[in-house]
Amino acid sequence: MVKDKTKGLRVGRRMLLAGAAGISTFAILKHPVRAAPVTYKLGHDNPVDHPVNIRAVEAADKIAKESNGQLIVKVFPNNQLGDDTQMLSQLRTGALEFLLLGDNILANVVPSANLAALPFAFNGYQDVWTTLDGDLGRYIHDQITKHTGLHVFDKGWDVGFRNVFTSNRAVHTAADMAGLKLRVPQAPVQLAFFRALGSSPTPVNNSELYTALQTHLVDGAEQPLISIETARYFEISRYVIMTLHQPTPWEMLANGPAWHRLPPDLQAIVTRVFNETALLERRDLAEGDTGLEARLKTQNQTFIEPDRESFKDVVRKAGLYQQWRDAYGAEPFALLEKSVGKLT
């Protein structure tokens, strides 16, 4: 009887194919194919050499390294993606994934965020961050997520205490502010405060402020010292009035759907890196003011220590704290006063 050699060959071929398939499956399980890298954008309005940008770039580098290149965060400083309002709109629609934004600007969408930066409510950096890392900060973060759907990282960033600077007027008391054309951001608290002082607050985009000062559209502005240096406002400013009237806390925000698309391991890396970096950036601002004042004095800036009590009196006599309590809510205002003391 003649054996069917083709049958034997067919059986052998099937065994070889099965073995190859088994090896291939084992290899796939042992060395899974990595997902394609994800690229997210991070926008903000500070200059390239501002501590916020320097630390944001450091954070992006660290995220890329710790995620083994699976998440790339590209940082766009200095309003490259638009002004604050435009970037917030992009963030909410998903055209932008991450945004560093001041609570004073967020307040146009989430009114209680105004309480993070009330004039003369805080006595120094420690007071600010004890409050905003506590119950009030958690309340504001919850409200941001509730009203916008954005993800808010636990630790806020800092741009520093704000001071008035002018090109043409020395200011020693609140009365000297009358009639002063002052650039302010489109922020409700600042607009109300400077109107109460008798100034003419003029909202101008941050990217247009230098030109507005240069062309005398405004007589001055109010900014932290670091901004006067990094944006080179000292080139057209003469007086720096150390009002220290208001802190400038910022939030690191993420578009909700973009955040939830990230797997848990990447979320954990981003959360840890952004929160750790926020603490470093806060320290940069808190420790840098003394050196900033010395450097700005070499740039022909005259520093004035004003009568701050005269400014505080304007806030109290105008009933602004009561107005803000009624406008932004008794509950969060009570959380603020629990931390900083009675304001009303």
C-alpha atoms as a PDB file:
ATOM      1  CA  MET A   1       0.000   0.000   0.000  1.00  0.00           C
ATOM      2  CA  VAL A   2       1.343   3.429  -0.986  1.00  0.00           C
ATOM      3  CA  LYS A   3       1.446   6.016   1.772  1.00  0.00           C
ATOM      4  CA  ASP A   4      -0.154   9.465   1.146  1.00  0.00           C
ATOM      5  CA  LYS A   5       2.929  11.687   1.481  1.00  0.00           C
ATOM      6  CA  THR A   6       0.928  14.852   0.785  1.00  0.00           C
ATOM      7  CA  LYS A   7      -1.262  14.143   3.788  1.00  0.00           C
ATOM      8  CA  GLY A   8       1.788  13.993   6.016  1.00  0.00           C
ATOM      9  CA  LEU A   9       3.117  17.221   4.576  1.00  0.00           C
ATOM     10  CA  ARG A  10      -0.218  18.951   5.212  1.00  0.00           C
ATOM     11  CA  VAL A  11      -0.242  17.797   8.862  1.00  0.00           C
ATOM     12  CA  GLY A  12       3.328  18.968   9.357  1.00  0.00           C
ATOM     13  CA  ARG A  13       2.601  22.336   7.811  1.00  0.00           C
ATOM     14  CA  ARG A  14      -0.390  22.824  10.147  1.00  0.00           C
ATOM     15  CA  MET A  15       1.777  21.994  13.170  1.00  0.00           C
ATOM     16  CA  LEU A  16       4.447  24.441  12.090  1.00  0.00           C
ATOM     17  CA  LEU A  17       1.878  27.201  11.517  1.00  0.00           C
ATOM     18  CA  ALA A  18       0.262  26.532  14.889  1.00  0.00           C
ATOM     19  CA  GLY A  19       3.643  26.686  16.566  1.00  0.00           C
ATOM     20  CA  ALA A  20       4.505  29.938  14.829  1.00  0.00           C
ATOM     21  CA  ALA A  21       1.164  31.423  15.836  1.00  0.00           C
ATOM     22  CA  GLY A  22       1.779  30.394  19.427  1.00  0.00           C
ATOM     23  CA  ILE A  23       5.234  32.006  19.421  1.00  0.00           C
ATOM     24  CA  SER A  24       3.833  35.159  17.834  1.00  0.00           C
ATOM     25  CA  THR A  25       1.034  35.395  20.398  1.00  0.00           C
ATOM     26  CA  PHE A  26       3.492  34.899  23.250  1.00  0.00           C
ATOM     27  CA  ALA A  27       5.742  37.642  21.851  1.00  0.00           C
ATOM     28  CA  ILE A  28       2.842  40.078  21.581  1.00  0.00           C
ATOM     29  CA  LEU A  29       1.780  39.402  25.158  1.00  0.00           C
ATOM     30  CA  LYS A  30       5.316  39.729  26.443  1.00  0.00           C
ATOM     31  CA  HIS A  31       6.100  42.906  24.427  1.00  0.00           C
ATOM     32  CA  PRO A  32       2.797  44.771  23.879  1.00  0.00           C
ATOM     33  CA  VAL A  33       2.724  47.413  21.195  1.00  0.00           C
ATOM     34  CA  ARG A  34       2.924  50.867  22.821  1.00  0.00           C
ATOM     35  CA  ALA A  35       0.300  53.442  21.999  1.00  0.00           C
ATOM     36  CA  ALA A  36       1.327  56.321  19.777  1.00  0.00           C
ATOM     37  CA  PRO A  37       2.662  59.346  21.706  1.00  0.00           C
ATOM     38  CA  VAL A  38       0.080  61.996  22.610  1.00  0.00           C
ATOM     39  CA  THR A  39       0.859  65.706  22.169  1.00  0.00           C
ATOM     40  CA  TYR A  40      -1.001  68.288  24.269  1.00  0.00           C
ATOM     41  CA  LYS A  41      -0.640  72.083  24.213  1.00  0.00           C
ATOM     42  CA  LEU A  42      -0.203  74.310  27.288  1.00  0.00           C
ATOM     43  CA  GLY A  43      -0.860  78.043  26.909  1.00  0.00           C
ATOM     44  CA  HIS A  44      -0.312  81.100  29.110  1.00  0.00           C
ATOM     45  CA  ASP A  45       0.294  84.838  28.709  1.00  0.00           C
ATOM     46  CA  ASN A  46       3.643  85.345  30.456  1.00  0.00           C
ATOM     47  CA  PRO A  47       6.931  86.158  28.673  1.00  0.00           C
ATOM     48  CA  VAL A  48       9.464  83.454  27.885  1.00  0.00           C
ATOM     49  CA  ASP A  49      11.797  84.360  30.765  1.00  0.00           C
ATOM     50  CA  HIS A  50       9.036  84.629  33.382  1.00  0.00           C
ATOM     51  CA  PRO A  51       9.255  82.032  36.207  1.00  0.00           C
ATOM     52  CA  VAL A  52       5.842  80.664  35.215  1.00  0.00           C
ATOM     53  CA  ASN A  53       7.106  79.817  31.734  1.00  0.00           C
ATOM     54  CA  ILE A  54      10.491  78.553  32.919  1.00  0.00           C
ATOM     55  CA  ARG A  55       8.844  76.170  35.367  1.00  0.00           C
ATOM     56  CA  ALA A  56       6.146  75.148  32.863  1.00  0.00           C
ATOM     57  CA  VAL A  57       8.838  74.143  30.363  1.00  0.00           C
ATOM     58  CA  GLU A  58      10.642  72.191  33.100  1.00  0.00           C
ATOM     59  CA  ALA A  59       7.384  70.408  33.929  1.00  0.00           C
ATOM     60  CA  ALA A  60       6.805  69.540  30.265  1.00  0.00           C
ATOM     61  CA  ASP A  61      10.329  68.093  29.989  1.00  0.00           C
ATOM     62  CA  LYS A  62       9.815  66.021  33.119  1.00  0.00           C
ATOM     63  CA  ILE A  63       6.456  64.687  31.913  1.00  0.00           C
ATOM     64  CA  ALA A  64       8.023  63.619  28.614  1.00  0.00           C
ATOM     65  CA  LYS A  65      10.869  61.877  30.423  1.00  0.00           C
ATOM     66  CA  GLU A  66       8.771  60.127  33.067  1.00  0.00           C
ATOM     67  CA  SER A  67       6.168  58.993  30.541  1.00  0.00           C
ATOM     68  CA  ASN A  68       8.907  57.616  28.249  1.00  0.00           C
ATOM     69  CA  GLY A  69       7.770  59.996  25.540  1.00  0.00           C
ATOM     70  CA  GLN A  70       4.134  58.884  25.654  1.00  0.00           C
ATOM     71  CA  LEU A  71       2.896  62.394  26.533  1.00  0.00           C
ATOM     72  CA  ILE A  72       4.486  65.477  25.003  1.00  0.00           C
ATOM     73  CA  VAL A  73       3.389  68.849  26.397  1.00  0.00           C
ATOM     74  CA  LYS A  74       4.239  71.797  24.157  1.00  0.00           C
ATOM     75  CA  VAL A  75       4.312  75.130  26.016  1.00  0.00           C
ATOM     76  CA  PHE A  76       3.086  78.294  24.258  1.00  0.00           C
ATOM     77  CA  PRO A  77       3.935  81.458  26.287  1.00  0.00           C
ATOM     78  CA  ASN A  78       3.279  85.150  25.747  1.00  0.00           C
ATOM     79  CA  ASN A  79      -0.239  84.923  24.255  1.00  0.00           C
ATOM     80  CA  GLN A  80       1.001  82.908  21.268  1.00  0.00           C
ATOM     81  CA  LEU A  81      -2.366  81.123  21.167  1.00  0.00           C
ATOM     82  CA  GLY A  82      -4.447  84.234  21.854  1.00  0.00           C
ATOM     83  CA  ASP A  83      -5.309  86.355  24.876  1.00  0.00           C
ATOM     84  CA  ASP A  84      -6.563  84.945  28.187  1.00  0.00           C
ATOM     85  CA  THR A  85     -10.225  84.983  27.173  1.00  0.00           C
ATOM     86  CA  GLN A  86      -9.498  83.356  23.830  1.00  0.00           C
ATOM     87  CA  MET A  87      -7.348  80.644  25.399  1.00  0.00           C
ATOM     88  CA  LEU A  88     -10.027  79.904  27.995  1.00  0.00           C
ATOM     89  CA  SER A  89     -12.544  79.491  25.172  1.00  0.00           C
ATOM     90  CA  GLN A  90     -10.118  77.171  23.346  1.00  0.00           C
ATOM     91  CA  LEU A  91      -9.625  75.140  26.519  1.00  0.00           C
ATOM     92  CA  ARG A  92     -13.360  74.711  27.021  1.00  0.00           C
ATOM     93  CA  THR A  93     -13.909  73.569  23.426  1.00  0.00           C
ATOM     94  CA  GLY A  94     -10.919  71.210  23.434  1.00  0.00           C
ATOM     95  CA  ALA A  95      -8.755  73.142  20.964  1.00  0.00           C
ATOM     96  CA  LEU A  96      -6.291  73.582  23.870  1.00  0.00           C
ATOM     97  CA  GLU A  97      -5.571  70.880  26.441  1.00  0.00           C
ATOM     98  CA  PHE A  98      -3.813  72.758  29.295  1.00  0.00           C
ATOM     99  CA  LEU A  99      -3.985  76.393  30.394  1.00  0.00           C
ATOM    100  CA  LEU A 100      -2.376  78.440  33.160  1.00  0.00           C
ATOM    101  CA  LEU A 101      -4.826  81.227  33.997  1.00  0.00           C
ATOM    102  CA  GLY A 102      -5.353  83.770  36.761  1.00  0.00           C
ATOM    103  CA  ASP A 103      -8.265  83.339  39.160  1.00  0.00           C
ATOM    104  CA  ASN A 104      -9.157  86.972  38.468  1.00  0.00           C
ATOM    105  CA  ILE A 105      -9.808  86.108  34.794  1.00  0.00           C
ATOM    106  CA  LEU A 106     -11.559  82.830  35.627  1.00  0.00           C
ATOM    107  CA  ALA A 107     -13.920  84.898  37.756  1.00  0.00           C
ATOM    108  CA  ASN A 108     -15.663  86.079  34.588  1.00  0.00           C
ATOM    109  CA  VAL A 109     -16.947  82.500  34.276  1.00  0.00           C
ATOM    110  CA  VAL A 110     -16.828  81.335  37.913  1.00  0.00           C
ATOM    111  CA  PRO A 111     -17.600  84.393  40.109  1.00  0.00           C
ATOM    112  CA  SER A 112     -16.391  82.861  43.395  1.00  0.00           C
ATOM    113  CA  ALA A 113     -12.855  82.689  41.936  1.00  0.00           C
ATOM    114  CA  ASN A 114     -12.706  86.439  42.631  1.00  0.00           C
ATOM    115  CA  LEU A 115     -12.313  85.640  46.327  1.00  0.00           C
ATOM    116  CA  ALA A 116      -8.831  84.259  45.676  1.00  0.00           C
ATOM    117  CA  ALA A 117      -7.525  87.765  45.027  1.00  0.00           C
ATOM    118  CA  LEU A 118      -9.482  90.349  47.009  1.00  0.00           C
ATOM    119  CA  PRO A 119      -7.522  93.582  47.618  1.00  0.00           C
ATOM    120  CA  PHE A 120      -5.851  93.784  51.039  1.00  0.00           C
ATOM    121  CA  ALA A 121      -7.432  90.536  52.238  1.00  0.00           C
ATOM    122  CA  PHE A 122      -4.100  88.703  52.546  1.00  0.00           C
ATOM    123  CA  ASN A 123      -0.974  89.520  54.540  1.00  0.00           C
ATOM    124  CA  GLY A 124       1.794  88.013  52.446  1.00  0.00           C
ATOM    125  CA  TYR A 125       2.428  84.851  50.453  1.00  0.00           C
ATOM    126  CA  GLN A 126       2.035  82.463  53.386  1.00  0.00           C
ATOM    127  CA  ASP A 127      -1.430  83.850  54.078  1.00  0.00           C
ATOM    128  CA  VAL A 128      -2.427  83.425  50.436  1.00  0.00           C
ATOM    129  CA  TRP A 129      -1.383  79.807  50.130  1.00  0.00           C
ATOM    130  CA  THR A 130      -2.587  78.695  53.539  1.00  0.00           C
ATOM    131  CA  THR A 131      -6.005  79.900  52.385  1.00  0.00           C
ATOM    132  CA  LEU A 132      -5.931  78.604  48.822  1.00  0.00           C
ATOM    133  CA  ASP A 133      -4.488  75.201  49.701  1.00  0.00           C
ATOM    134  CA  GLY A 134      -7.283  74.921  52.248  1.00  0.00           C
ATOM    135  CA  ASP A 135     -11.073  74.957  52.295  1.00  0.00           C
ATOM    136  CA  LEU A 136     -11.554  78.075  50.171  1.00  0.00           C
ATOM    137  CA  GLY A 137      -9.258  76.783  47.435  1.00  0.00           C
ATOM    138  CA  ARG A 138     -11.060  73.441  47.329  1.00  0.00           C
ATOM    139  CA  TYR A 139     -14.407  75.244  47.143  1.00  0.00           C
ATOM    140  CA  ILE A 140     -13.229  77.383  44.204  1.00  0.00           C
ATOM    141  CA  HIS A 141     -11.821  74.336  42.394  1.00  0.00           C
ATOM    142  CA  ASP A 142     -15.115  72.485  42.810  1.00  0.00           C
ATOM    143  CA  GLN A 143     -16.992  75.476  41.415  1.00  0.00           C
ATOM    144  CA  ILE A 144     -14.670  75.707  38.404  1.00  0.00           C
ATOM    145  CA  THR A 145     -15.266  72.058  37.556  1.00  0.00           C
ATOM    146  CA  LYS A 146     -19.013  72.348  38.198  1.00  0.00           C
ATOM    147  CA  HIS A 147     -19.481  75.408  35.957  1.00  0.00           C
ATOM    148  CA  THR A 148     -16.977  74.621  33.189  1.00  0.00           C
ATOM    149  CA  GLY A 149     -16.246  70.889  33.199  1.00  0.00           C
ATOM    150  CA  LEU A 150     -12.533  71.684  33.402  1.00  0.00           C
ATOM    151  CA  HIS A 151     -10.114  69.620  35.457  1.00  0.00           C
ATOM    152  CA  VAL A 152      -8.291  71.725  38.088  1.00  0.00           C
ATOM    153  CA  PHE A 153      -4.979  70.614  39.566  1.00  0.00           C
ATOM    154  CA  ASP A 154      -4.665  70.808  43.346  1.00  0.00           C
ATOM    155  CA  LYS A 155      -1.794  73.278  43.638  1.00  0.00           C
ATOM    156  CA  GLY A 156      -2.164  76.781  42.236  1.00  0.00           C
ATOM    157  CA  TRP A 157       0.673  78.756  40.665  1.00  0.00           C
ATOM    158  CA  ASP A 158       1.674  82.323  41.546  1.00  0.00           C
ATOM    159  CA  VAL A 159       2.418  85.534  39.668  1.00  0.00           C
ATOM    160  CA  GLY A 160       3.014  87.644  42.791  1.00  0.00           C
ATOM    161  CA  PHE A 161       1.537  90.579  44.670  1.00  0.00           C
ATOM    162  CA  ARG A 162       0.465  93.437  42.438  1.00  0.00           C
ATOM    163  CA  ASN A 163       1.751  97.024  42.644  1.00  0.00           C
ATOM    164  CA  VAL A 164       0.837 100.199  40.791  1.00  0.00           C
ATOM    165  CA  PHE A 165       3.418 101.670  38.420  1.00  0.00           C
ATOM    166  CA  THR A 166       3.142 104.902  36.443  1.00  0.00           C
ATOM    167  CA  SER A 167       5.029 106.861  33.827  1.00  0.00           C
ATOM    168  CA  ASN A 168       4.057 110.333  35.015  1.00  0.00           C
ATOM    169  CA  ARG A 169       2.762 110.455  38.583  1.00  0.00           C
ATOM    170  CA  ALA A 170       4.111 109.746  42.039  1.00  0.00           C
ATOM    171  CA  VAL A 171       1.429 108.190  44.242  1.00  0.00           C
ATOM    172  CA  HIS A 172       1.711 108.433  48.043  1.00  0.00           C
ATOM    173  CA  THR A 173      -1.911 108.067  49.184  1.00  0.00           C
ATOM    174  CA  ALA A 174      -5.175 106.772  47.774  1.00  0.00           C
ATOM    175  CA  ALA A 175      -6.180 110.347  46.942  1.00  0.00           C
ATOM    176  CA  ASP A 176      -3.313 110.548  44.440  1.00  0.00           C
ATOM    177  CA  MET A 177      -5.002 107.843  42.346  1.00  0.00           C
ATOM    178  CA  ALA A 178      -7.871 110.133  41.302  1.00  0.00           C
ATOM    179  CA  GLY A 179      -8.098 110.556  37.532  1.00  0.00           C
ATOM    180  CA  LEU A 180      -5.215 108.189  36.822  1.00  0.00           C
ATOM    181  CA  LYS A 181      -5.718 106.241  33.592  1.00  0.00           C
ATOM    182  CA  LEU A 182      -4.698 102.795  34.716  1.00  0.00           C
ATOM    183  CA  ARG A 183      -4.574  99.582  32.740  1.00  0.00           C
ATOM    184  CA  VAL A 184      -6.278  96.724  34.546  1.00  0.00           C
ATOM    185  CA  PRO A 185      -7.196  93.234  33.344  1.00  0.00           C
ATOM    186  CA  GLN A 186     -10.805  92.470  32.467  1.00  0.00           C
ATOM    187  CA  ALA A 187     -11.404  91.330  36.037  1.00  0.00           C
ATOM    188  CA  PRO A 188     -14.443  92.437  38.086  1.00  0.00           C
ATOM    189  CA  VAL A 189     -12.653  92.906  41.425  1.00  0.00           C
ATOM    190  CA  GLN A 190      -9.889  95.089  40.002  1.00  0.00           C
ATOM    191  CA  LEU A 191     -12.341  97.197  38.019  1.00  0.00           C
ATOM    192  CA  ALA A 192     -14.441  97.839  41.143  1.00  0.00           C
ATOM    193  CA  PHE A 193     -11.393  98.580  43.310  1.00  0.00           C
ATOM    194  CA  PHE A 194      -9.841 101.178  41.022  1.00  0.00           C
ATOM    195  CA  ARG A 195     -13.150 102.849  40.276  1.00  0.00           C
ATOM    196  CA  ALA A 196     -13.602 103.283  44.024  1.00  0.00           C
ATOM    197  CA  LEU A 197     -10.185 104.990  44.098  1.00  0.00           C
ATOM    198  CA  GLY A 198     -11.392 107.489  41.492  1.00  0.00           C
ATOM    199  CA  SER A 199      -9.076 106.140  38.793  1.00  0.00           C
ATOM    200  CA  SER A 200     -10.086 105.413  35.217  1.00  0.00           C
ATOM    201  CA  PRO A 201      -9.478 101.668  34.915  1.00  0.00           C
ATOM    202  CA  THR A 202      -8.923 100.709  31.281  1.00  0.00           C
ATOM    203  CA  PRO A 203      -8.987  97.036  30.290  1.00  0.00           C
ATOM    204  CA  VAL A 204      -6.105  96.382  27.880  1.00  0.00           C
ATOM    205  CA  ASN A 205      -4.849  92.988  26.793  1.00  0.00           C
ATOM    206  CA  ASN A 206      -1.566  92.075  28.442  1.00  0.00           C
ATOM    207  CA  SER A 207       0.149  91.670  25.076  1.00  0.00           C
ATOM    208  CA  GLU A 208      -0.837  95.264  24.176  1.00  0.00           C
ATOM    209  CA  LEU A 209       0.108  96.910  27.464  1.00  0.00           C
ATOM    210  CA  TYR A 210       3.614  97.999  26.454  1.00  0.00           C
ATOM    211  CA  THR A 211       2.245  99.890  23.456  1.00  0.00           C
ATOM    212  CA  ALA A 212      -0.584 101.369  25.542  1.00  0.00           C
ATOM    213  CA  LEU A 213       1.983 102.773  27.992  1.00  0.00           C
ATOM    214  CA  GLN A 214       4.272 103.933  25.198  1.00  0.00           C
ATOM    215  CA  THR A 215       1.478 105.828  23.402  1.00  0.00           C
ATOM    216  CA  HIS A 216       0.034 107.220  26.676  1.00  0.00           C
ATOM    217  CA  LEU A 217      -3.274 105.458  26.161  1.00  0.00           C
ATOM    218  CA  VAL A 218      -2.816 104.735  29.873  1.00  0.00           C
ATOM    219  CA  ASP A 219      -0.703 106.473  32.536  1.00  0.00           C
ATOM    220  CA  GLY A 220       0.246 103.268  34.277  1.00  0.00           C
ATOM    221  CA  ALA A 221      -0.804  99.788  35.258  1.00  0.00           C
ATOM    222  CA  GLU A 222      -0.784  97.406  38.190  1.00  0.00           C
ATOM    223  CA  GLN A 223       1.378  94.325  37.937  1.00  0.00           C
ATOM    224  CA  PRO A 224       3.676  92.193  40.081  1.00  0.00           C
ATOM    225  CA  LEU A 225       7.331  93.276  40.107  1.00  0.00           C
ATOM    226  CA  ILE A 226       8.355  90.209  38.102  1.00  0.00           C
ATOM    227  CA  SER A 227       6.108  91.333  35.228  1.00  0.00           C
ATOM    228  CA  ILE A 228       7.572  94.839  35.264  1.00  0.00           C
ATOM    229  CA  GLU A 229      10.967  93.238  34.713  1.00  0.00           C
ATOM    230  CA  THR A 230      10.222  90.397  32.291  1.00  0.00           C
ATOM    231  CA  ALA A 231       7.905  92.484  30.078  1.00  0.00           C
ATOM    232  CA  ARG A 232      10.389  95.402  30.260  1.00  0.00           C
ATOM    233  CA  TYR A 233       7.770  97.910  31.400  1.00  0.00           C
ATOM    234  CA  PHE A 234      10.608  99.665  33.232  1.00  0.00           C
ATOM    235  CA  GLU A 235      11.587 101.116  29.867  1.00  0.00           C
ATOM    236  CA  ILE A 236       8.487 103.338  29.939  1.00  0.00           C
ATOM    237  CA  SER A 237       7.706 103.451  33.648  1.00  0.00           C
ATOM    238  CA  ARG A 238       9.117 105.860  36.228  1.00  0.00           C
ATOM    239  CA  TYR A 239       7.395 105.219  39.570  1.00  0.00           C
ATOM    240  CA  VAL A 240       6.705 101.882  41.253  1.00  0.00           C
ATOM    241  CA  ILE A 241       4.209 102.309  44.085  1.00  0.00           C
ATOM    242  CA  MET A 242       4.428  99.362  46.467  1.00  0.00           C
ATOM    243  CA  THR A 243       0.711  99.047  47.150  1.00  0.00           C
ATOM    244  CA  LEU A 244       0.917  95.235  47.449  1.00  0.00           C
ATOM    245  CA  HIS A 245      -2.821  95.439  47.047  1.00  0.00           C
ATOM    246  CA  GLN A 246      -3.629  92.069  45.598  1.00  0.00           C
ATOM    247  CA  PRO A 247      -2.124  88.608  45.074  1.00  0.00           C
ATOM    248  CA  THR A 248      -2.253  86.938  41.655  1.00  0.00           C
ATOM    249  CA  PRO A 249      -2.934  83.222  42.141  1.00  0.00           C
ATOM    250  CA  TRP A 250      -3.269  81.132  38.993  1.00  0.00           C
ATOM    251  CA  GLU A 251      -4.790  77.761  38.240  1.00  0.00           C
ATOM    252  CA  MET A 252      -3.397  74.932  36.129  1.00  0.00           C
ATOM    253  CA  LEU A 253      -6.408  73.736  34.143  1.00  0.00           C
ATOM    254  CA  ALA A 254      -7.090  70.877  31.733  1.00  0.00           C
ATOM    255  CA  ASN A 255      -9.850  70.335  29.214  1.00  0.00           C
ATOM    256  CA  GLY A 256     -12.131  67.705  30.792  1.00  0.00           C
ATOM    257  CA  PRO A 257     -12.426  65.204  27.901  1.00  0.00           C
ATOM    258  CA  ALA A 258      -8.727  65.561  27.022  1.00  0.00           C
ATOM    259  CA  TRP A 259      -7.815  64.842  30.640  1.00  0.00           C
ATOM    260  CA  HIS A 260     -10.045  61.781  30.848  1.00  0.00           C
ATOM    261  CA  ARG A 261      -8.601  60.398  27.601  1.00  0.00           C
ATOM    262  CA  LEU A 262      -5.252  59.970  29.319  1.00  0.00           C
ATOM    263  CA  PRO A 263      -4.741  56.569  30.958  1.00  0.00           C
ATOM    264  CA  PRO A 264      -4.432  56.547  34.762  1.00  0.00           C
ATOM    265  CA  ASP A 265      -0.647  56.137  34.761  1.00  0.00           C
ATOM    266  CA  LEU A 266      -0.191  59.287  32.637  1.00  0.00           C
ATOM    267  CA  GLN A 267      -2.727  61.193  34.741  1.00  0.00           C
ATOM    268  CA  ALA A 268      -0.723  60.281  37.849  1.00  0.00           C
ATOM    269  CA  ILE A 269       2.539  61.542  36.303  1.00  0.00           C
ATOM    270  CA  VAL A 270       1.010  64.825  35.112  1.00  0.00           C
ATOM    271  CA  THR A 271      -0.734  65.472  38.426  1.00  0.00           C
ATOM    272  CA  ARG A 272       2.393  64.892  40.485  1.00  0.00           C
ATOM    273  CA  VAL A 273       4.664  66.904  38.179  1.00  0.00           C
ATOM    274  CA  PHE A 274       2.325  69.898  37.857  1.00  0.00           C
ATOM    275  CA  ASN A 275       1.660  70.018  41.613  1.00  0.00           C
ATOM    276  CA  GLU A 276       5.353  69.710  42.527  1.00  0.00           C
ATOM    277  CA  THR A 277       6.298  72.344  39.960  1.00  0.00           C
ATOM    278  CA  ALA A 278       3.648  74.742  41.260  1.00  0.00           C
ATOM    279  CA  LEU A 279       5.312  74.694  44.692  1.00  0.00           C
ATOM    280  CA  LEU A 280       8.703  75.438  43.144  1.00  0.00           C
ATOM    281  CA  GLU A 281       7.274  78.302  41.092  1.00  0.00           C
ATOM    282  CA  ARG A 282       5.588  79.792  44.178  1.00  0.00           C
ATOM    283  CA  ARG A 283       8.950  79.749  45.934  1.00  0.00           C
ATOM    284  CA  ASP A 284      10.548  81.520  42.967  1.00  0.00           C
ATOM    285  CA  LEU A 285       8.090  84.395  43.340  1.00  0.00           C
ATOM    286  CA  ALA A 286       8.214  84.630  47.128  1.00  0.00           C
ATOM    287  CA  GLU A 287      12.019  84.654  47.284  1.00  0.00           C
ATOM    288  CA  GLY A 288      12.556  86.852  44.267  1.00  0.00           C
ATOM    289  CA  ASP A 289      10.938  90.171  45.204  1.00  0.00           C
ATOM    290  CA  THR A 290      13.920  91.592  47.129  1.00  0.00           C
ATOM    291  CA  GLY A 291      16.294  91.046  44.242  1.00  0.00           C
ATOM    292  CA  LEU A 292      13.715  92.352  41.799  1.00  0.00           C
ATOM    293  CA  GLU A 293      13.406  95.668  43.611  1.00  0.00           C
ATOM    294  CA  ALA A 294      17.176  96.108  43.590  1.00  0.00           C
ATOM    295  CA  ARG A 295      17.413  95.319  39.883  1.00  0.00           C
ATOM    296  CA  LEU A 296      14.539  97.627  38.936  1.00  0.00           C
ATOM    297  CA  LYS A 297      16.133 100.498  40.847  1.00  0.00           C
ATOM    298  CA  THR A 298      19.106 100.195  38.510  1.00  0.00           C
ATOM    299  CA  GLN A 299      16.626 100.677  35.643  1.00  0.00           C
ATOM    300  CA  ASN A 300      15.701 104.203  36.765  1.00  0.00           C
ATOM    301  CA  GLN A 301      12.618 103.128  38.708  1.00  0.00           C
ATOM    302  CA  THR A 302      11.690 105.219  41.750  1.00  0.00           C
ATOM    303  CA  PHE A 303      10.124 103.056  44.466  1.00  0.00           C
ATOM    304  CA  ILE A 304       7.494 104.602  46.751  1.00  0.00           C
ATOM    305  CA  GLU A 305       6.130 103.128  49.984  1.00  0.00           C
ATOM    306  CA  PRO A 306       2.582 104.556  50.004  1.00  0.00           C
ATOM    307  CA  ASP A 307       0.129 104.924  52.860  1.00  0.00           C
ATOM    308  CA  ARG A 308      -1.546 101.534  52.402  1.00  0.00           C
ATOM    309  CA  GLU A 309      -4.085 102.267  55.133  1.00  0.00           C
ATOM    310  CA  SER A 310      -5.526 105.028  52.966  1.00  0.00           C
ATOM    311  CA  PHE A 311      -6.145 102.439  50.232  1.00  0.00           C
ATOM    312  CA  LYS A 312      -7.694  99.982  52.685  1.00  0.00           C
ATOM    313  CA  ASP A 313      -9.972 102.739  53.980  1.00  0.00           C
ATOM    314  CA  VAL A 314     -11.330 103.250  50.470  1.00  0.00           C
ATOM    315  CA  VAL A 315     -12.211  99.549  50.211  1.00  0.00           C
ATOM    316  CA  ARG A 316     -13.965  99.567  53.579  1.00  0.00           C
ATOM    317  CA  LYS A 317     -15.798 102.882  53.142  1.00  0.00           C
ATOM    318  CA  ALA A 318     -17.006 101.914  49.685  1.00  0.00           C
ATOM    319  CA  GLY A 319     -18.492  98.750  51.214  1.00  0.00           C
ATOM    320  CA  LEU A 320     -16.653  96.608  48.684  1.00  0.00           C
ATOM    321  CA  TYR A 321     -16.144  93.607  50.957  1.00  0.00           C
ATOM    322  CA  GLN A 322     -19.868  93.480  51.698  1.00  0.00           C
ATOM    323  CA  GLN A 323     -20.633  93.810  47.991  1.00  0.00           C
ATOM    324  CA  TRP A 324     -18.222  91.002  47.139  1.00  0.00           C
ATOM    325  CA  ARG A 325     -19.652  88.790  49.895  1.00  0.00           C
ATOM    326  CA  ASP A 326     -23.170  89.299  48.520  1.00  0.00           C
ATOM    327  CA  ALA A 327     -22.056  88.834  44.897  1.00  0.00           C
ATOM    328  CA  TYR A 328     -19.840  85.788  45.308  1.00  0.00           C
ATOM    329  CA  GLY A 329     -21.600  83.940  48.107  1.00  0.00           C
ATOM    330  CA  ALA A 330     -21.793  83.959  51.893  1.00  0.00           C
ATOM    331  CA  GLU A 331     -20.443  80.391  52.128  1.00  0.00           C
ATOM    332  CA  PRO A 332     -17.109  80.924  50.319  1.00  0.00           C
ATOM    333  CA  PHE A 333     -16.707  84.370  51.888  1.00  0.00           C
ATOM    334  CA  ALA A 334     -17.018  82.732  55.320  1.00  0.00           C
ATOM    335  CA  LEU A 335     -14.269  80.293  54.314  1.00  0.00           C
ATOM    336  CA  LEU A 336     -12.074  83.263  53.360  1.00  0.00           C
ATOM    337  CA  GLU A 337     -12.693  85.053  56.661  1.00  0.00           C
ATOM    338  CA  LYS A 338     -12.101  81.810  58.570  1.00  0.00           C
ATOM    339  CA  SER A 339      -8.571  81.854  57.191  1.00  0.00           C
ATOM    340  CA  VAL A 340      -7.655  85.565  57.052  1.00  0.00           C
ATOM    341  CA  GLY A 341      -9.887  87.116  59.713  1.00  0.00           C
ATOM    342  CA  LYS A 342     -12.886  89.395  59.610  1.00  0.00           C
ATOM    343  CA  LEU A 343     -13.135  91.649  56.542  1.00  0.00           C
ATOM    344  CA  THR A 344     -16.691  93.004  56.688  1.00  0.00           C
END
